[in-house]
C-alpha atoms as a PDB file:
ATOM      1  CA  UNK A   1      98.349  55.155  92.636  1.00  0.00           C
ATOM      2  CA  UNK A   2      98.865  57.689  89.879  1.00  0.00           C
ATOM      3  CA  UNK A   3      99.157  61.318  90.936  1.00  0.00           C
ATOM      4  CA  UNK A   4      99.140  64.299  88.549  1.00  0.00           C
ATOM      5  CA  UNK A   5     101.058  67.362  89.771  1.00  0.00           C
ATOM      6  CA  UNK A   6     100.187  70.777  88.366  1.00  0.00           C
ATOM      7  CA  UNK A   7     102.174  74.031  88.454  1.00  0.00           C
ATOM      8  CA  UNK A   8     105.291  71.969  89.122  1.00  0.00           C
ATOM      9  CA  UNK A   9     108.688  73.587  89.639  1.00  0.00           C
ATOM     10  CA  UNK A  10     112.115  71.864  89.829  1.00  0.00           C
ATOM     11  CA  UNK A  11     112.157  72.049  93.640  1.00  0.00           C
ATOM     12  CA  UNK A  12     108.777  70.243  93.732  1.00  0.00           C
ATOM     13  CA  UNK A  13     110.156  67.339  91.709  1.00  0.00           C
ATOM     14  CA  UNK A  14     113.236  67.058  93.910  1.00  0.00           C
ATOM     15  CA  UNK A  15     111.081  66.890  97.049  1.00  0.00           C
ATOM     16  CA  UNK A  16     108.509  64.396  95.781  1.00  0.00           C
ATOM     17  CA  UNK A  17     110.513  62.058  93.548  1.00  0.00           C
ATOM     18  CA  UNK A  18     112.038  60.289  96.564  1.00  0.00           C
ATOM     19  CA  UNK A  19     108.537  58.909  97.298  1.00  0.00           C
ATOM     20  CA  UNK A  20     108.051  57.428  93.835  1.00  0.00           C
ATOM     21  CA  UNK A  21     107.872  53.631  93.619  1.00  0.00           C
ATOM     22  CA  UNK A  22     106.236  50.836  91.671  1.00  0.00           C
ATOM     23  CA  UNK A  23     103.083  51.561  93.700  1.00  0.00           C
ATOM     24  CA  UNK A  24     103.161  55.366  93.406  1.00  0.00           C
ATOM     25  CA  UNK A  25     103.591  56.984  89.990  1.00  0.00           C
ATOM     26  CA  UNK A  26     103.951  60.752  89.551  1.00  0.00           C
ATOM     27  CA  UNK A  27     103.099  62.789  86.451  1.00  0.00           C
ATOM     28  CA  UNK A  28     104.553  66.290  86.656  1.00  0.00           C
ATOM     29  CA  UNK A  29     103.082  69.163  84.630  1.00  0.00           C
ATOM     30  CA  UNK A  30     104.401  72.714  84.555  1.00  0.00           C
ATOM     31  CA  UNK A  31     101.007  74.089  83.536  1.00  0.00           C
ATOM     32  CA  UNK A  32      98.497  75.245  86.139  1.00  0.00           C
ATOM     33  CA  UNK A  33      95.298  73.343  86.762  1.00  0.00           C
ATOM     34  CA  UNK A  34      92.206  74.894  85.188  1.00  0.00           C
ATOM     35  CA  UNK A  35      89.269  73.758  83.082  1.00  0.00           C
ATOM     36  CA  UNK A  36      91.463  73.601  79.965  1.00  0.00           C
ATOM     37  CA  UNK A  37      94.264  71.536  81.541  1.00  0.00           C
ATOM     38  CA  UNK A  38      92.236  69.201  83.764  1.00  0.00           C
ATOM     39  CA  UNK A  39      92.209  66.598  80.963  1.00  0.00           C
ATOM     40  CA  UNK A  40      95.885  65.956  81.773  1.00  0.00           C
ATOM     41  CA  UNK A  41      94.700  64.139  84.905  1.00  0.00           C
ATOM     42  CA  UNK A  42      92.968  61.416  82.916  1.00  0.00           C
ATOM     43  CA  UNK A  43      93.912  58.000  84.312  1.00  0.00           C
ATOM     44  CA  UNK A  44      95.082  59.439  87.630  1.00  0.00           C
ATOM     45  CA  UNK A  45      93.701  58.673  91.076  1.00  0.00           C
ATOM     46  CA  UNK A  46      94.745  61.965  92.653  1.00  0.00           C
ATOM     47  CA  UNK A  47      95.708  65.488  91.663  1.00  0.00           C
ATOM     48  CA  UNK A  48      98.223  67.626  93.549  1.00  0.00           C
ATOM     49  CA  UNK A  49      97.991  71.412  93.217  1.00  0.00           C
ATOM     50  CA  UNK A  50      99.487  74.621  94.601  1.00  0.00           C
ATOM     51  CA  UNK A  51      98.237  78.103  95.491  1.00  0.00           C
ATOM     52  CA  UNK A  52      97.598  79.474  91.990  1.00  0.00           C
ATOM     53  CA  UNK A  53      95.853  76.442  90.508  1.00  0.00           C
ATOM     54  CA  UNK A  54      92.087  76.633  90.024  1.00  0.00           C
ATOM     55  CA  UNK A  55      89.757  74.025  91.468  1.00  0.00           C
ATOM     56  CA  UNK A  56      86.333  75.603  91.065  1.00  0.00           C
ATOM     57  CA  UNK A  57      83.066  73.758  90.429  1.00  0.00           C
ATOM     58  CA  UNK A  58      83.736  73.252  86.720  1.00  0.00           C
ATOM     59  CA  UNK A  59      87.222  71.834  87.336  1.00  0.00           C
ATOM     60  CA  UNK A  60      85.971  69.582  90.136  1.00  0.00           C
ATOM     61  CA  UNK A  61      83.262  68.163  87.851  1.00  0.00           C
ATOM     62  CA  UNK A  62      85.849  67.560  85.140  1.00  0.00           C
ATOM     63  CA  UNK A  63      88.233  65.786  87.520  1.00  0.00           C
ATOM     64  CA  UNK A  64      85.441  63.708  89.005  1.00  0.00           C
ATOM     65  CA  UNK A  65      84.316  62.567  85.549  1.00  0.00           C
ATOM     66  CA  UNK A  66      87.922  61.606  84.800  1.00  0.00           C
ATOM     67  CA  UNK A  67      87.976  59.345  87.864  1.00  0.00           C
ATOM     68  CA  UNK A  68      90.003  61.562  90.190  1.00  0.00           C
ATOM     69  CA  UNK A  69      88.917  61.094  93.796  1.00  0.00           C
ATOM     70  CA  UNK A  70      91.525  63.049  95.774  1.00  0.00           C
ATOM     71  CA  UNK A  71      92.606  66.670  95.446  1.00  0.00           C
ATOM     72  CA  UNK A  72      95.787  67.214  97.463  1.00  0.00           C
ATOM     73  CA  UNK A  73      96.961  70.734  98.173  1.00  0.00           C
ATOM     74  CA  UNK A  74     100.698  70.981  98.812  1.00  0.00           C
ATOM     75  CA  UNK A  75     100.079  74.133 100.853  1.00  0.00           C
ATOM     76  CA  UNK A  76      98.003  75.270 103.806  1.00  0.00           C
ATOM     77  CA  UNK A  77      95.601  77.714 102.126  1.00  0.00           C
ATOM     78  CA  UNK A  78      92.667  76.419 100.120  1.00  0.00           C
ATOM     79  CA  UNK A  79      90.831  79.538  98.935  1.00  0.00           C
ATOM     80  CA  UNK A  80      91.385  78.393  95.339  1.00  0.00           C
ATOM     81  CA  UNK A  81      89.292  75.244  95.922  1.00  0.00           C
ATOM     82  CA  UNK A  82      85.498  75.143  96.078  1.00  0.00           C
ATOM     83  CA  UNK A  83      85.523  72.843  99.106  1.00  0.00           C
ATOM     84  CA  UNK A  84      81.752  72.955  99.490  1.00  0.00           C
ATOM     85  CA  UNK A  85      81.179  71.857  95.898  1.00  0.00           C
ATOM     86  CA  UNK A  86      83.794  69.106  96.218  1.00  0.00           C
ATOM     87  CA  UNK A  87      81.880  67.494  99.086  1.00  0.00           C
ATOM     88  CA  UNK A  88      80.435  64.167  97.989  1.00  0.00           C
ATOM     89  CA  UNK A  89      82.691  64.043  94.914  1.00  0.00           C
ATOM     90  CA  UNK A  90      86.371  64.549  95.642  1.00  0.00           C
ATOM     91  CA  UNK A  91      88.212  64.395  98.974  1.00  0.00           C
ATOM     92  CA  UNK A  92      90.315  67.512  99.595  1.00  0.00           C
ATOM     93  CA  UNK A  93      93.408  67.364 101.804  1.00  0.00           C
ATOM     94  CA  UNK A  94      95.992  70.019 102.614  1.00  0.00           C
ATOM     95  CA  UNK A  95      99.245  70.588 104.518  1.00  0.00           C
ATOM     96  CA  UNK A  96      98.258  72.672 107.540  1.00  0.00           C
ATOM     97  CA  UNK A  97     101.744  73.168 108.990  1.00  0.00           C
ATOM     98  CA  UNK A  98     104.729  72.490 106.758  1.00  0.00           C
ATOM     99  CA  UNK A  99     107.027  74.970 108.490  1.00  0.00           C
ATOM    100  CA  UNK A 100     105.603  77.925 110.374  1.00  0.00           C
ATOM    101  CA  UNK A 101     109.193  78.949 111.086  1.00  0.00           C
ATOM    102  CA  UNK A 102     109.983  79.386 107.391  1.00  0.00           C
ATOM    103  CA  UNK A 103     107.156  81.864 106.813  1.00  0.00           C
ATOM    104  CA  UNK A 104     107.522  83.697 110.121  1.00  0.00           C
ATOM    105  CA  UNK A 105     111.292  84.086 109.691  1.00  0.00           C
ATOM    106  CA  UNK A 106     110.841  85.388 106.145  1.00  0.00           C
ATOM    107  CA  UNK A 107     108.339  87.932 107.439  1.00  0.00           C
ATOM    108  CA  UNK A 108     110.851  89.230 109.972  1.00  0.00           C
ATOM    109  CA  UNK A 109     113.618  89.187 107.365  1.00  0.00           C
ATOM    110  CA  UNK A 110     111.531  91.431 105.095  1.00  0.00           C
ATOM    111  CA  UNK A 111     110.711  93.773 107.980  1.00  0.00           C
ATOM    112  CA  UNK A 112     114.350  94.140 109.019  1.00  0.00           C
ATOM    113  CA  UNK A 113     115.457  94.584 105.416  1.00  0.00           C
ATOM    114  CA  UNK A 114     112.920  97.367 104.952  1.00  0.00           C
ATOM    115  CA  UNK A 115     113.346  99.380 108.130  1.00  0.00           C
ATOM    116  CA  UNK A 116     117.152  99.119 108.189  1.00  0.00           C
ATOM    117  CA  UNK A 117     117.464  99.760 104.433  1.00  0.00           C
ATOM    118  CA  UNK A 118     119.607  96.653 103.999  1.00  0.00           C
ATOM    119  CA  UNK A 119     118.560  96.176 100.359  1.00  0.00           C
ATOM    120  CA  UNK A 120     119.606  99.730  99.532  1.00  0.00           C
ATOM    121  CA  UNK A 121     122.945  99.371 101.317  1.00  0.00           C
ATOM    122  CA  UNK A 122     123.630  96.119  99.461  1.00  0.00           C
ATOM    123  CA  UNK A 123     123.128  97.795  96.095  1.00  0.00           C
ATOM    124  CA  UNK A 124     125.253 100.801  97.074  1.00  0.00           C
ATOM    125  CA  UNK A 125     128.242  98.846  98.309  1.00  0.00           C
ATOM    126  CA  UNK A 126     128.286  96.808  95.090  1.00  0.00           C
ATOM    127  CA  UNK A 127     129.297 100.130  93.492  1.00  0.00           C
ATOM    128  CA  UNK A 128     131.689 100.876  96.383  1.00  0.00           C
ATOM    129  CA  UNK A 129     129.334 103.595  97.592  1.00  0.00           C
ATOM    130  CA  UNK A 130     129.650 103.587 101.393  1.00  0.00           C
ATOM    131  CA  UNK A 131     127.609 106.694 102.093  1.00  0.00           C
ATOM    132  CA  UNK A 132     125.088 106.406 104.951  1.00  0.00           C
ATOM    133  CA  UNK A 133     122.832 109.161 103.643  1.00  0.00           C
ATOM    134  CA  UNK A 134     119.236 107.983 103.388  1.00  0.00           C
ATOM    135  CA  UNK A 135     119.832 104.728 105.281  1.00  0.00           C
ATOM    136  CA  UNK A 136     118.516 105.775 108.698  1.00  0.00           C
ATOM    137  CA  UNK A 137     116.096 103.219 110.114  1.00  0.00           C
ATOM    138  CA  UNK A 138     114.373 102.709 113.458  1.00  0.00           C
ATOM    139  CA  UNK A 139     114.534 100.284 116.382  1.00  0.00           C
ATOM    140  CA  UNK A 140     112.009  97.478 116.716  1.00  0.00           C
ATOM    141  CA  UNK A 141     112.470  97.469 120.491  1.00  0.00           C
ATOM    142  CA  UNK A 142     109.458  99.038 122.177  1.00  0.00           C
ATOM    143  CA  UNK A 143     107.379  99.220 119.005  1.00  0.00           C
ATOM    144  CA  UNK A 144     103.859  97.796 118.807  1.00  0.00           C
ATOM    145  CA  UNK A 145     103.177  95.085 116.255  1.00  0.00           C
ATOM    146  CA  UNK A 146      99.657  94.064 115.316  1.00  0.00           C
ATOM    147  CA  UNK A 147      99.310  90.435 114.234  1.00  0.00           C
ATOM    148  CA  UNK A 148      96.158  89.468 112.352  1.00  0.00           C
ATOM    149  CA  UNK A 149      95.795  85.699 112.621  1.00  0.00           C
ATOM    150  CA  UNK A 150      97.336  83.658 115.423  1.00  0.00           C
ATOM    151  CA  UNK A 151      97.576  80.209 113.946  1.00  0.00           C
ATOM    152  CA  UNK A 152     100.904  78.383 113.993  1.00  0.00           C
ATOM    153  CA  UNK A 153     102.673  80.894 111.735  1.00  0.00           C
ATOM    154  CA  UNK A 154     101.234  83.893 113.538  1.00  0.00           C
ATOM    155  CA  UNK A 155     102.309  82.557 116.925  1.00  0.00           C
ATOM    156  CA  UNK A 156     105.867  81.857 115.744  1.00  0.00           C
ATOM    157  CA  UNK A 157     106.027  85.418 114.397  1.00  0.00           C
ATOM    158  CA  UNK A 158     104.738  86.705 117.740  1.00  0.00           C
ATOM    159  CA  UNK A 159     107.539  84.820 119.529  1.00  0.00           C
ATOM    160  CA  UNK A 160     110.109  86.389 117.198  1.00  0.00           C
ATOM    161  CA  UNK A 161     108.695  89.871 117.802  1.00  0.00           C
ATOM    162  CA  UNK A 162     108.734  89.351 121.567  1.00  0.00           C
ATOM    163  CA  UNK A 163     112.391  88.421 121.243  1.00  0.00           C
ATOM    164  CA  UNK A 164     112.982  91.900 119.816  1.00  0.00           C
ATOM    165  CA  UNK A 165     111.251  93.466 122.808  1.00  0.00           C
ATOM    166  CA  UNK A 166     108.114  94.452 120.930  1.00  0.00           C
ATOM    167  CA  UNK A 167     104.607  94.859 122.321  1.00  0.00           C
ATOM    168  CA  UNK A 168     102.192  92.496 120.560  1.00  0.00           C
ATOM    169  CA  UNK A 169      98.513  93.130 119.858  1.00  0.00           C
ATOM    170  CA  UNK A 170      96.606  90.387 118.056  1.00  0.00           C
ATOM    171  CA  UNK A 171      93.287  89.766 116.378  1.00  0.00           C
ATOM    172  CA  UNK A 172      91.795  86.381 115.572  1.00  0.00           C
ATOM    173  CA  UNK A 173      88.215  85.217 115.203  1.00  0.00           C
ATOM    174  CA  UNK A 174      89.208  82.212 117.311  1.00  0.00           C
ATOM    175  CA  UNK A 175      91.758  83.393 119.917  1.00  0.00           C
ATOM    176  CA  UNK A 176      94.356  80.848 121.017  1.00  0.00           C
ATOM    177  CA  UNK A 177      94.650  80.223 124.743  1.00  0.00           C
ATOM    178  CA  UNK A 178      98.418  79.731 124.543  1.00  0.00           C
ATOM    179  CA  UNK A 179      99.267  82.765 122.399  1.00  0.00           C
ATOM    180  CA  UNK A 180     101.598  85.171 124.286  1.00  0.00           C
ATOM    181  CA  UNK A 181      99.822  88.348 123.222  1.00  0.00           C
ATOM    182  CA  UNK A 182      96.942  90.674 124.007  1.00  0.00           C
ATOM    183  CA  UNK A 183      93.866  90.060 121.879  1.00  0.00           C
ATOM    184  CA  UNK A 184      92.065  93.218 120.793  1.00  0.00           C
ATOM    185  CA  UNK A 185      89.469  94.266 118.242  1.00  0.00           C
ATOM    186  CA  UNK A 186      90.660  95.312 114.805  1.00  0.00           C
ATOM    187  CA  UNK A 187      89.831  98.970 115.480  1.00  0.00           C
ATOM    188  CA  UNK A 188      92.355  99.147 118.306  1.00  0.00           C
ATOM    189  CA  UNK A 189      94.933  97.070 116.448  1.00  0.00           C
ATOM    190  CA  UNK A 190      94.788  99.446 113.479  1.00  0.00           C
ATOM    191  CA  UNK A 191      94.978 102.542 115.696  1.00  0.00           C
ATOM    192  CA  UNK A 192      97.888 101.506 117.944  1.00  0.00           C
ATOM    193  CA  UNK A 193     100.179  99.349 115.776  1.00  0.00           C
ATOM    194  CA  UNK A 194     103.430 100.651 114.333  1.00  0.00           C
ATOM    195  CA  UNK A 195     103.693  97.468 112.273  1.00  0.00           C
ATOM    196  CA  UNK A 196     100.853  95.196 111.073  1.00  0.00           C
ATOM    197  CA  UNK A 197     101.487  91.645 109.872  1.00  0.00           C
ATOM    198  CA  UNK A 198      98.989  89.369 108.131  1.00  0.00           C
ATOM    199  CA  UNK A 199      98.892  85.679 109.085  1.00  0.00           C
ATOM    200  CA  UNK A 200      95.265  84.687 108.510  1.00  0.00           C
ATOM    201  CA  UNK A 201      93.648  82.580 105.768  1.00  0.00           C
ATOM    202  CA  UNK A 202      91.744  84.175 102.901  1.00  0.00           C
ATOM    203  CA  UNK A 203      87.999  83.830 103.464  1.00  0.00           C
ATOM    204  CA  UNK A 204      84.990  85.969 102.513  1.00  0.00           C
ATOM    205  CA  UNK A 205      85.388  87.643 105.921  1.00  0.00           C
ATOM    206  CA  UNK A 206      89.080  88.457 105.490  1.00  0.00           C
ATOM    207  CA  UNK A 207      88.974  89.455 101.812  1.00  0.00           C
ATOM    208  CA  UNK A 208      90.401  93.009 101.636  1.00  0.00           C
ATOM    209  CA  UNK A 209      90.563  93.209 105.428  1.00  0.00           C
ATOM    210  CA  UNK A 210      93.107  95.913 104.662  1.00  0.00           C
ATOM    211  CA  UNK A 211      91.292  98.453 102.496  1.00  0.00           C
ATOM    212  CA  UNK A 212      90.858 102.215 102.231  1.00  0.00           C
ATOM    213  CA  UNK A 213      88.672 102.330 105.355  1.00  0.00           C
ATOM    214  CA  UNK A 214      91.016 100.305 107.555  1.00  0.00           C
ATOM    215  CA  UNK A 215      94.100 102.165 106.306  1.00  0.00           C
ATOM    216  CA  UNK A 216      92.472 105.459 107.306  1.00  0.00           C
ATOM    217  CA  UNK A 217      92.369 104.198 110.924  1.00  0.00           C
ATOM    218  CA  UNK A 218      96.081 103.356 111.054  1.00  0.00           C
ATOM    219  CA  UNK A 219      99.004 105.345 112.387  1.00  0.00           C
ATOM    220  CA  UNK A 220     100.802 107.582 109.935  1.00  0.00           C
ATOM    221  CA  UNK A 221     103.920 105.728 108.801  1.00  0.00           C
ATOM    222  CA  UNK A 222     102.634 102.224 109.614  1.00  0.00           C
ATOM    223  CA  UNK A 223     104.546  99.300 108.092  1.00  0.00           C
ATOM    224  CA  UNK A 224     102.399  96.573 106.491  1.00  0.00           C
ATOM    225  CA  UNK A 225     103.603  92.969 106.100  1.00  0.00           C
ATOM    226  CA  UNK A 226     101.823  90.253 104.131  1.00  0.00           C
ATOM    227  CA  UNK A 227     103.213  86.731 103.735  1.00  0.00           C
ATOM    228  CA  UNK A 228      99.801  85.051 103.816  1.00  0.00           C
ATOM    229  CA  UNK A 229      97.369  85.632 100.918  1.00  0.00           C
ATOM    230  CA  UNK A 230      97.468  88.537  98.496  1.00  0.00           C
ATOM    231  CA  UNK A 231      93.770  89.402  98.538  1.00  0.00           C
ATOM    232  CA  UNK A 232      93.880  90.192 102.257  1.00  0.00           C
ATOM    233  CA  UNK A 233      95.066  93.607 101.074  1.00  0.00           C
ATOM    234  CA  UNK A 234      93.320  95.801  98.511  1.00  0.00           C
ATOM    235  CA  UNK A 235      96.329  96.555  96.314  1.00  0.00           C
ATOM    236  CA  UNK A 236      94.893  99.798  94.930  1.00  0.00           C
ATOM    237  CA  UNK A 237      94.100 101.054  98.440  1.00  0.00           C
ATOM    238  CA  UNK A 238      97.629 100.096  99.500  1.00  0.00           C
ATOM    239  CA  UNK A 239      99.093 102.080  96.620  1.00  0.00           C
ATOM    240  CA  UNK A 240      96.992 105.110  97.509  1.00  0.00           C
ATOM    241  CA  UNK A 241      98.060 104.800 101.157  1.00  0.00           C
ATOM    242  CA  UNK A 242     101.724 104.775 100.155  1.00  0.00           C
ATOM    243  CA  UNK A 243     101.309 107.749  97.820  1.00  0.00           C
ATOM    244  CA  UNK A 244      99.564 109.756 100.551  1.00  0.00           C
ATOM    245  CA  UNK A 245     102.410 108.902 103.003  1.00  0.00           C
ATOM    246  CA  UNK A 246      99.918 107.225 105.365  1.00  0.00           C
ATOM    247  CA  UNK A 247     101.738 103.907 104.907  1.00  0.00           C
ATOM    248  CA  UNK A 248     105.431 104.195 105.647  1.00  0.00           C
ATOM    249  CA  UNK A 249     106.479 100.905 104.061  1.00  0.00           C
ATOM    250  CA  UNK A 250     105.064  97.635 102.739  1.00  0.00           C
ATOM    251  CA  UNK A 251     106.639  94.190 102.541  1.00  0.00           C
ATOM    252  CA  UNK A 252     104.729  91.782 100.300  1.00  0.00           C
ATOM    253  CA  UNK A 253     105.472  88.151  99.582  1.00  0.00           C
ATOM    254  CA  UNK A 254     102.018  87.782  98.030  1.00  0.00           C
ATOM    255  CA  UNK A 255      99.842  89.892  95.747  1.00  0.00           C
ATOM    256  CA  UNK A 256      96.137  89.590  94.994  1.00  0.00           C
ATOM    257  CA  UNK A 257      96.602  89.279  91.225  1.00  0.00           C
ATOM    258  CA  UNK A 258      99.737  87.127  91.406  1.00  0.00           C
ATOM    259  CA  UNK A 259      98.412  83.951  89.773  1.00  0.00           C
ATOM    260  CA  UNK A 260      99.640  84.769  86.252  1.00  0.00           C
ATOM    261  CA  UNK A 261     102.859  86.472  87.370  1.00  0.00           C
ATOM    262  CA  UNK A 262     104.488  84.944  90.443  1.00  0.00           C
ATOM    263  CA  UNK A 263     106.756  81.882  90.110  1.00  0.00           C
ATOM    264  CA  UNK A 264     107.607  82.880  86.506  1.00  0.00           C
ATOM    265  CA  UNK A 265     110.443  84.895  84.916  1.00  0.00           C
ATOM    266  CA  UNK A 266     109.157  88.106  83.326  1.00  0.00           C
ATOM    267  CA  UNK A 267     112.487  89.920  83.395  1.00  0.00           C
ATOM    268  CA  UNK A 268     112.481  90.282  79.607  1.00  0.00           C
ATOM    269  CA  UNK A 269     108.831  91.326  79.346  1.00  0.00           C
ATOM    270  CA  UNK A 270     106.595  94.269  80.109  1.00  0.00           C
ATOM    271  CA  UNK A 271     104.205  93.338  82.921  1.00  0.00           C
ATOM    272  CA  UNK A 272     100.663  94.468  82.175  1.00  0.00           C
ATOM    273  CA  UNK A 273      99.667  94.823  85.825  1.00  0.00           C
ATOM    274  CA  UNK A 274     100.043  98.572  86.395  1.00  0.00           C
ATOM    275  CA  UNK A 275      99.298  98.369  90.129  1.00  0.00           C
ATOM    276  CA  UNK A 276     102.032  95.808  90.752  1.00  0.00           C
ATOM    277  CA  UNK A 277     104.480  97.725  88.556  1.00  0.00           C
ATOM    278  CA  UNK A 278     103.840 100.922  90.533  1.00  0.00           C
ATOM    279  CA  UNK A 279     104.159  99.141  93.879  1.00  0.00           C
ATOM    280  CA  UNK A 280     107.501  97.608  92.896  1.00  0.00           C
ATOM    281  CA  UNK A 281     108.724 101.029  91.738  1.00  0.00           C
ATOM    282  CA  UNK A 282     108.107 102.557  95.171  1.00  0.00           C
ATOM    283  CA  UNK A 283     111.312 102.967  97.237  1.00  0.00           C
ATOM    284  CA  UNK A 284     109.561 101.871 100.437  1.00  0.00           C
ATOM    285  CA  UNK A 285     108.035  98.670  99.042  1.00  0.00           C
ATOM    286  CA  UNK A 286     109.726  95.256  99.047  1.00  0.00           C
ATOM    287  CA  UNK A 287     108.147  92.469  96.978  1.00  0.00           C
ATOM    288  CA  UNK A 288     109.323  88.865  97.040  1.00  0.00           C
ATOM    289  CA  UNK A 289     107.871  86.173  94.801  1.00  0.00           C
ATOM    290  CA  UNK A 290     105.791  84.072  97.242  1.00  0.00           C
ATOM    291  CA  UNK A 291     108.966  82.496  98.587  1.00  0.00           C
ATOM    292  CA  UNK A 292     108.330  82.671 102.329  1.00  0.00           C
ATOM    293  CA  UNK A 293     107.708  78.901 102.437  1.00  0.00           C
ATOM    294  CA  UNK A 294     110.792  78.042 100.399  1.00  0.00           C
ATOM    295  CA  UNK A 295     113.194  76.275 102.751  1.00  0.00           C
ATOM    296  CA  UNK A 296     114.583  72.754 102.545  1.00  0.00           C
ATOM    297  CA  UNK A 297     112.784  71.835 105.749  1.00  0.00           C
ATOM    298  CA  UNK A 298     109.426  73.132 104.525  1.00  0.00           C
ATOM    299  CA  UNK A 299     109.690  71.440 101.126  1.00  0.00           C
ATOM    300  CA  UNK A 300     110.510  68.139 102.808  1.00  0.00           C
ATOM    301  CA  UNK A 301     107.560  68.448 105.189  1.00  0.00           C
ATOM    302  CA  UNK A 302     105.206  69.414 102.355  1.00  0.00           C
ATOM    303  CA  UNK A 303     106.164  66.362 100.302  1.00  0.00           C
ATOM    304  CA  UNK A 304     105.926  63.912 103.200  1.00  0.00           C
ATOM    305  CA  UNK A 305     102.605  65.239 104.497  1.00  0.00           C
ATOM    306  CA  UNK A 306     101.063  65.380 101.013  1.00  0.00           C
ATOM    307  CA  UNK A 307     101.965  61.765 100.243  1.00  0.00           C
ATOM    308  CA  UNK A 308     100.831  60.662 103.707  1.00  0.00           C
ATOM    309  CA  UNK A 309      97.506  62.451 103.196  1.00  0.00           C
ATOM    310  CA  UNK A 310      96.867  60.638  99.928  1.00  0.00           C
ATOM    311  CA  UNK A 311      97.918  57.257 101.332  1.00  0.00           C
ATOM    312  CA  UNK A 312      95.661  57.708 104.362  1.00  0.00           C
ATOM    313  CA  UNK A 313      92.614  58.337 102.197  1.00  0.00           C
ATOM    314  CA  UNK A 314      93.348  55.334  99.974  1.00  0.00           C
ATOM    315  CA  UNK A 315      94.527  52.880 102.605  1.00  0.00           C
ATOM    316  CA  UNK A 316      92.867  53.912 105.876  1.00  0.00           C
ATOM    317  CA  UNK A 317      89.724  55.640 104.655  1.00  0.00           C
ATOM    318  CA  UNK A 318      90.399  58.966 106.378  1.00  0.00           C
ATOM    319  CA  UNK A 319      92.950  61.701 106.944  1.00  0.00           C
ATOM    320  CA  UNK A 320      93.502  64.159 109.767  1.00  0.00           C
ATOM    321  CA  UNK A 321      94.158  66.785 107.093  1.00  0.00           C
ATOM    322  CA  UNK A 322      90.967  66.341 105.078  1.00  0.00           C
ATOM    323  CA  UNK A 323      89.055  69.577 104.502  1.00  0.00           C
ATOM    324  CA  UNK A 324      85.291  69.575 104.893  1.00  0.00           C
ATOM    325  CA  UNK A 325      83.044  72.593 104.494  1.00  0.00           C
ATOM    326  CA  UNK A 326      80.936  71.332 107.407  1.00  0.00           C
ATOM    327  CA  UNK A 327      83.709  71.629 109.978  1.00  0.00           C
ATOM    328  CA  UNK A 328      86.449  73.541 108.170  1.00  0.00           C
ATOM    329  CA  UNK A 329      89.707  73.402 110.114  1.00  0.00           C
ATOM    330  CA  UNK A 330      88.117  72.838 113.490  1.00  0.00           C
ATOM    331  CA  UNK A 331      88.205  69.626 115.474  1.00  0.00           C
ATOM    332  CA  UNK A 332      84.385  69.537 115.750  1.00  0.00           C
ATOM    333  CA  UNK A 333      84.025  66.805 113.159  1.00  0.00           C
ATOM    334  CA  UNK A 334      81.397  64.077 113.423  1.00  0.00           C
ATOM    335  CA  UNK A 335      83.803  61.507 112.000  1.00  0.00           C
ATOM    336  CA  UNK A 336      86.572  62.761 114.338  1.00  0.00           C
ATOM    337  CA  UNK A 337      88.831  62.442 111.286  1.00  0.00           C
ATOM    338  CA  UNK A 338      88.905  58.678 111.696  1.00  0.00           C
ATOM    339  CA  UNK A 339      87.164  57.991 108.396  1.00  0.00           C
ATOM    340  CA  UNK A 340      86.276  59.753 105.170  1.00  0.00           C
ATOM    341  CA  UNK A 341      83.968  62.740 105.280  1.00  0.00           C
ATOM    342  CA  UNK A 342      81.678  60.963 102.796  1.00  0.00           C
END
């Protein structure tokens, strides 16, 4: 098998190279997958991509004509892949749960950093400034957190919040029976939550689930957390909410227009995205560079599951992690994941 990796970073190579052999050959490319770079996959059986690669209809046709039959996502989300168009052409697999703890713990780390002003204190003490002025935070104990999305990551985050003595309200289109929380409608979640954290996939239904209208229903001073997908939040509406003091703080590991910015070093350049530049300039906004997944454990799980997914399709004819637009992520699959979708 020959597998072409796009948008590859050094930590990707370190995780995957241990699986290379005479039977599995990797080709690593730093460039992102799009219609102009798809030609690099010529001669390969599979393509492995990440969150900011593009696999729309045009790219899928190009890959299919090149002989590629598997598109392996080394991530959980797949909003950048036209799964419906891929049906009948290319099998799409993903990594549904590489480390829910990594993302959930990063979310809590950002929240604590923000509300306890840890980032500001760190900068001050580097200059031997030990003043406490302006560093007053607030307790998490007794606060209400609204969690949108109660998949594996959302439930781990809920467990962490419960450990802090927080009240948890949750919203999910498909409530989980074992989630230790109270499920409510979005209207109530927006109205009662002191903190709102996003842990749902990006779909047409969840696109800009946080917008001007929903922000208007929230408590004054609400803290917004997003370590899921950038386009869950309307960035311009978020900026307006911060400027109007409706939103007390925002912690973002993702951003809706991140594809040409995140994972790269722009420290010596002027970034053209005015909205992102203004958000980063706000004293109550923390932005990290889509790093919530980045732990040794998660990288190891991503590599193993991705290679297993590809092997299962080639050798066994099916994979538990194959995505199909007919059944999505549910278990209601006619093949019961025991064979290929087509």
